[in-house]
Amino acid sequence: MRTGILLLVVTILAELVGTTIMKLAGLRAWGLAALPCYVVCLICFNRAVAALDFSLVYAIWAGLGMSLSMVVGVLVFGEHLTLAKVCWTGVTFIGILGLTAANRG
């Protein structure tokens, strides 16, 4: 189980780094540097799904990926943090916690 969680963390971080590279690169060719990040992401996601429940892995990947990309958007790219963004991110976390509890029980 710990290996699955570690693979899930690597999945999320690799996707976040790849997406950040693409945003920084714009249409420039060095944006292709994001490709290895996505390869790592998909390989680790495949392994995480094999080790953990699919519904849990996918929910955490999507929820934390979205939340962390919002943080990167605000801190790195100067995007505006609104109350609506914070509230809907909270709803996402509640859903993730609910799925986690449902998978344990």
N, C-alpha and C. Protein backbone atom coordinates (compact mmCIF):
# COMPACT_ATOMS: atom_id res chain seq x y z
N MET A 1 0.82 -1.20 0.00
CA MET A 1 0.00 0.00 0.00
C MET A 1 0.87 1.26 0.00
N ARG A 2 1.95 1.24 0.79
CA ARG A 2 2.83 2.42 0.83
C ARG A 2 3.45 2.71 -0.53
N THR A 3 3.79 1.65 -1.25
CA THR A 3 4.35 1.83 -2.58
C THR A 3 3.32 2.49 -3.49
N GLY A 4 2.07 2.07 -3.39
CA GLY A 4 1.01 2.66 -4.20
C GLY A 4 0.84 4.14 -3.91
N ILE A 5 0.90 4.50 -2.64
CA ILE A 5 0.75 5.91 -2.25
C ILE A 5 1.94 6.72 -2.75
N LEU A 6 3.14 6.16 -2.63
CA LEU A 6 4.33 6.85 -3.13
C LEU A 6 4.24 7.05 -4.65
N LEU A 7 3.79 6.03 -5.36
CA LEU A 7 3.62 6.15 -6.81
C LEU A 7 2.57 7.20 -7.16
N LEU A 8 1.53 7.28 -6.36
CA LEU A 8 0.50 8.30 -6.59
C LEU A 8 1.06 9.70 -6.38
N VAL A 9 1.87 9.88 -5.36
CA VAL A 9 2.50 11.19 -5.12
C VAL A 9 3.40 11.57 -6.29
N VAL A 10 4.19 10.61 -6.78
CA VAL A 10 5.06 10.88 -7.94
C VAL A 10 4.21 11.21 -9.16
N THR A 11 3.09 10.51 -9.34
CA THR A 11 2.17 10.78 -10.45
C THR A 11 1.72 12.24 -10.43
N ILE A 12 1.25 12.67 -9.26
CA ILE A 12 0.72 14.03 -9.12
C ILE A 12 1.81 15.07 -9.35
N LEU A 13 2.97 14.86 -8.76
CA LEU A 13 4.05 15.84 -8.90
C LEU A 13 4.59 15.89 -10.33
N ALA A 14 4.70 14.73 -10.98
CA ALA A 14 5.19 14.70 -12.37
C ALA A 14 4.22 15.44 -13.29
N GLU A 15 2.93 15.23 -13.09
CA GLU A 15 1.96 15.95 -13.92
C GLU A 15 2.01 17.45 -13.66
N LEU A 16 2.14 17.82 -12.39
CA LEU A 16 2.20 19.24 -12.04
C LEU A 16 3.42 19.91 -12.66
N VAL A 17 4.57 19.26 -12.57
CA VAL A 17 5.79 19.81 -13.16
C VAL A 17 5.65 19.90 -14.68
N GLY A 18 5.12 18.86 -15.31
CA GLY A 18 4.94 18.88 -16.75
C GLY A 18 4.01 19.99 -17.21
N THR A 19 2.92 20.16 -16.51
CA THR A 19 1.96 21.20 -16.85
C THR A 19 2.56 22.59 -16.63
N THR A 20 3.32 22.75 -15.57
CA THR A 20 3.98 24.03 -15.30
C THR A 20 5.00 24.36 -16.38
N ILE A 21 5.75 23.36 -16.81
CA ILE A 21 6.72 23.56 -17.89
C ILE A 21 6.00 24.01 -19.16
N MET A 22 4.88 23.36 -19.47
CA MET A 22 4.14 23.74 -20.67
C MET A 22 3.64 25.18 -20.59
N LYS A 23 3.16 25.58 -19.43
CA LYS A 23 2.68 26.96 -19.25
C LYS A 23 3.84 27.95 -19.39
N LEU A 24 4.97 27.63 -18.79
CA LEU A 24 6.14 28.52 -18.87
C LEU A 24 6.66 28.62 -20.30
N ALA A 25 6.61 27.52 -21.03
CA ALA A 25 7.17 27.49 -22.38
C ALA A 25 6.28 28.18 -23.40
N GLY A 26 4.99 28.19 -23.16
CA GLY A 26 4.09 28.73 -24.17
C GLY A 26 4.19 27.89 -25.43
N LEU A 27 4.44 28.52 -26.55
CA LEU A 27 4.54 27.79 -27.82
C LEU A 27 5.99 27.50 -28.21
N ARG A 28 6.93 27.79 -27.32
CA ARG A 28 8.34 27.55 -27.65
C ARG A 28 8.65 26.05 -27.58
N ALA A 29 9.67 25.66 -28.33
CA ALA A 29 10.01 24.24 -28.48
C ALA A 29 10.44 23.60 -27.17
N TRP A 30 11.02 24.37 -26.24
CA TRP A 30 11.49 23.73 -25.02
C TRP A 30 10.34 23.23 -24.16
N GLY A 31 9.13 23.52 -24.54
CA GLY A 31 7.97 22.96 -23.85
C GLY A 31 7.91 21.44 -23.98
N LEU A 32 8.64 20.90 -24.97
CA LEU A 32 8.72 19.45 -25.11
C LEU A 32 9.40 18.80 -23.90
N ALA A 33 10.06 19.61 -23.09
CA ALA A 33 10.66 19.09 -21.86
C ALA A 33 9.59 18.55 -20.91
N ALA A 34 8.34 18.91 -21.15
CA ALA A 34 7.25 18.39 -20.34
C ALA A 34 6.96 16.93 -20.64
N LEU A 35 7.34 16.47 -21.81
CA LEU A 35 7.02 15.10 -22.23
C LEU A 35 7.53 14.03 -21.27
N PRO A 36 8.79 14.08 -20.83
CA PRO A 36 9.24 13.06 -19.87
C PRO A 36 8.43 13.08 -18.57
N CYS A 37 7.98 14.25 -18.17
CA CYS A 37 7.17 14.35 -16.95
C CYS A 37 5.86 13.57 -17.12
N TYR A 38 5.25 13.70 -18.29
CA TYR A 38 3.99 12.99 -18.54
C TYR A 38 4.22 11.49 -18.69
N VAL A 39 5.36 11.09 -19.23
CA VAL A 39 5.68 9.67 -19.31
C VAL A 39 5.81 9.09 -17.90
N VAL A 40 6.55 9.76 -17.04
CA VAL A 40 6.69 9.33 -15.65
C VAL A 40 5.32 9.29 -14.97
N CYS A 41 4.53 10.32 -15.21
CA CYS A 41 3.20 10.41 -14.62
C CYS A 41 2.35 9.19 -14.99
N LEU A 42 2.30 8.86 -16.26
CA LEU A 42 1.45 7.75 -16.70
C LEU A 42 1.98 6.39 -16.24
N ILE A 43 3.28 6.22 -16.22
CA ILE A 43 3.85 4.96 -15.73
C ILE A 43 3.52 4.78 -14.25
N CYS A 44 3.73 5.83 -13.47
CA CYS A 44 3.46 5.74 -12.02
C CYS A 44 1.97 5.60 -11.74
N PHE A 45 1.14 6.27 -12.53
CA PHE A 45 -0.31 6.13 -12.36
C PHE A 45 -0.73 4.69 -12.63
N ASN A 46 -0.19 4.09 -13.67
CA ASN A 46 -0.49 2.70 -13.99
C ASN A 46 -0.15 1.78 -12.83
N ARG A 47 1.00 2.01 -12.24
CA ARG A 47 1.43 1.18 -11.10
C ARG A 47 0.60 1.46 -9.84
N ALA A 48 0.25 2.72 -9.63
CA ALA A 48 -0.57 3.08 -8.47
C ALA A 48 -1.94 2.44 -8.55
N VAL A 49 -2.53 2.44 -9.75
CA VAL A 49 -3.84 1.83 -9.94
C VAL A 49 -3.77 0.32 -9.69
N ALA A 50 -2.65 -0.28 -10.02
CA ALA A 50 -2.49 -1.71 -9.77
C ALA A 50 -2.39 -2.01 -8.27
N ALA A 51 -1.87 -1.06 -7.50
CA ALA A 51 -1.64 -1.28 -6.07
C ALA A 51 -2.80 -0.83 -5.19
N LEU A 52 -3.60 0.12 -5.66
CA LEU A 52 -4.68 0.72 -4.85
C LEU A 52 -5.99 0.68 -5.61
N ASP A 53 -7.08 0.99 -4.93
CA ASP A 53 -8.39 1.05 -5.58
C ASP A 53 -8.42 2.17 -6.61
N PHE A 54 -8.94 1.85 -7.79
CA PHE A 54 -8.99 2.81 -8.89
C PHE A 54 -9.74 4.08 -8.51
N SER A 55 -10.91 3.92 -7.88
CA SER A 55 -11.71 5.10 -7.55
C SER A 55 -10.97 6.04 -6.60
N LEU A 56 -10.22 5.47 -5.71
CA LEU A 56 -9.45 6.28 -4.76
C LEU A 56 -8.28 6.97 -5.47
N VAL A 57 -7.53 6.21 -6.26
CA VAL A 57 -6.35 6.76 -6.94
C VAL A 57 -6.76 7.89 -7.88
N TYR A 58 -7.79 7.66 -8.67
CA TYR A 58 -8.18 8.66 -9.64
C TYR A 58 -8.71 9.92 -8.96
N ALA A 59 -9.49 9.75 -7.89
CA ALA A 59 -10.03 10.91 -7.18
C ALA A 59 -8.92 11.74 -6.56
N ILE A 60 -7.96 11.09 -5.94
CA ILE A 60 -6.85 11.82 -5.32
C ILE A 60 -6.00 12.49 -6.39
N TRP A 61 -5.72 11.79 -7.47
CA TRP A 61 -4.92 12.36 -8.57
C TRP A 61 -5.59 13.62 -9.12
N ALA A 62 -6.86 13.49 -9.42
CA ALA A 62 -7.58 14.63 -10.00
C ALA A 62 -7.71 15.78 -9.00
N GLY A 63 -8.10 15.45 -7.77
CA GLY A 63 -8.34 16.48 -6.76
C GLY A 63 -7.08 17.22 -6.33
N LEU A 64 -6.04 16.46 -6.00
CA LEU A 64 -4.81 17.12 -5.58
C LEU A 64 -4.11 17.80 -6.74
N GLY A 65 -4.18 17.19 -7.93
CA GLY A 65 -3.60 17.83 -9.10
C GLY A 65 -4.24 19.18 -9.37
N MET A 66 -5.57 19.22 -9.28
CA MET A 66 -6.30 20.47 -9.49
C MET A 66 -5.93 21.50 -8.42
N SER A 67 -5.90 21.06 -7.19
CA SER A 67 -5.61 21.97 -6.08
C SER A 67 -4.19 22.53 -6.16
N LEU A 68 -3.25 21.65 -6.42
CA LEU A 68 -1.86 22.10 -6.51
C LEU A 68 -1.64 22.99 -7.72
N SER A 69 -2.33 22.71 -8.82
CA SER A 69 -2.18 23.59 -9.99
C SER A 69 -2.76 24.96 -9.71
N MET A 70 -3.79 25.03 -8.88
CA MET A 70 -4.33 26.33 -8.48
C MET A 70 -3.29 27.10 -7.66
N VAL A 71 -2.62 26.41 -6.76
CA VAL A 71 -1.58 27.05 -5.94
C VAL A 71 -0.43 27.53 -6.82
N VAL A 72 0.02 26.70 -7.76
CA VAL A 72 1.08 27.11 -8.67
C VAL A 72 0.63 28.30 -9.51
N GLY A 73 -0.60 28.26 -9.97
CA GLY A 73 -1.13 29.38 -10.75
C GLY A 73 -1.06 30.69 -10.00
N VAL A 74 -1.40 30.65 -8.73
CA VAL A 74 -1.38 31.86 -7.91
C VAL A 74 0.05 32.29 -7.60
N LEU A 75 0.88 31.35 -7.15
CA LEU A 75 2.24 31.70 -6.70
C LEU A 75 3.22 31.96 -7.84
N VAL A 76 3.12 31.20 -8.92
CA VAL A 76 4.10 31.31 -10.00
C VAL A 76 3.63 32.24 -11.11
N PHE A 77 2.34 32.16 -11.45
CA PHE A 77 1.85 32.89 -12.61
C PHE A 77 1.00 34.11 -12.25
N GLY A 78 0.86 34.39 -10.97
CA GLY A 78 0.14 35.59 -10.54
C GLY A 78 -1.35 35.56 -10.81
N GLU A 79 -1.93 34.37 -10.89
CA GLU A 79 -3.37 34.28 -11.10
C GLU A 79 -4.11 34.69 -9.83
N HIS A 80 -5.33 35.12 -9.99
CA HIS A 80 -6.12 35.59 -8.85
C HIS A 80 -6.73 34.42 -8.09
N LEU A 81 -6.63 34.48 -6.78
CA LEU A 81 -7.25 33.49 -5.92
C LEU A 81 -8.58 34.06 -5.46
N THR A 82 -9.65 33.42 -5.83
CA THR A 82 -10.97 33.92 -5.48
C THR A 82 -11.60 33.04 -4.41
N LEU A 83 -12.60 33.57 -3.77
CA LEU A 83 -13.33 32.80 -2.77
C LEU A 83 -13.96 31.57 -3.40
N ALA A 84 -14.47 31.71 -4.60
CA ALA A 84 -15.09 30.57 -5.29
C ALA A 84 -14.07 29.45 -5.52
N LYS A 85 -12.85 29.79 -5.92
CA LYS A 85 -11.81 28.78 -6.12
C LYS A 85 -11.50 28.05 -4.82
N VAL A 86 -11.39 28.79 -3.75
CA VAL A 86 -11.09 28.19 -2.45
C VAL A 86 -12.24 27.29 -2.00
N CYS A 87 -13.46 27.75 -2.15
CA CYS A 87 -14.62 26.96 -1.72
C CYS A 87 -14.76 25.68 -2.52
N TRP A 88 -14.62 25.76 -3.84
CA TRP A 88 -14.78 24.56 -4.66
C TRP A 88 -13.62 23.59 -4.46
N THR A 89 -12.46 24.10 -4.14
CA THR A 89 -11.35 23.22 -3.79
C THR A 89 -11.66 22.49 -2.48
N GLY A 90 -12.27 23.19 -1.54
CA GLY A 90 -12.70 22.56 -0.29
C GLY A 90 -13.71 21.45 -0.53
N VAL A 91 -14.64 21.68 -1.44
CA VAL A 91 -15.63 20.65 -1.79
C VAL A 91 -14.91 19.43 -2.38
N THR A 92 -13.91 19.68 -3.20
CA THR A 92 -13.13 18.58 -3.78
C THR A 92 -12.46 17.76 -2.69
N PHE A 93 -11.85 18.43 -1.70
CA PHE A 93 -11.20 17.72 -0.61
C PHE A 93 -12.20 16.91 0.21
N ILE A 94 -13.38 17.44 0.41
CA ILE A 94 -14.41 16.70 1.14
C ILE A 94 -14.76 15.42 0.37
N GLY A 95 -14.86 15.53 -0.95
CA GLY A 95 -15.12 14.34 -1.77
C GLY A 95 -14.01 13.31 -1.67
N ILE A 96 -12.76 13.77 -1.70
CA ILE A 96 -11.63 12.86 -1.57
C ILE A 96 -11.65 12.17 -0.22
N LEU A 97 -11.90 12.93 0.85
CA LEU A 97 -11.98 12.34 2.18
C LEU A 97 -13.11 11.32 2.27
N GLY A 98 -14.24 11.64 1.64
CA GLY A 98 -15.37 10.71 1.63
C GLY A 98 -15.03 9.41 0.92
N LEU A 99 -14.38 9.50 -0.24
CA LEU A 99 -13.98 8.30 -0.95
C LEU A 99 -12.95 7.49 -0.17
N THR A 100 -12.04 8.19 0.47
CA THR A 100 -11.04 7.50 1.29
C THR A 100 -11.71 6.73 2.42
N ALA A 101 -12.65 7.37 3.09
CA ALA A 101 -13.38 6.71 4.19
C ALA A 101 -14.19 5.53 3.66
N ALA A 102 -14.81 5.69 2.51
CA ALA A 102 -15.62 4.62 1.94
C ALA A 102 -14.76 3.43 1.54
N ASN A 103 -13.55 3.66 1.09
CA ASN A 103 -12.66 2.57 0.71
C ASN A 103 -12.10 1.84 1.91
N ARG A 104 -12.01 2.51 3.04
CA ARG A 104 -11.49 1.86 4.26
C ARG A 104 -12.57 1.07 4.98
N GLY A 105 -13.82 1.50 4.84
CA GLY A 105 -14.90 0.87 5.59
C GLY A 105 -15.56 -0.13 4.79
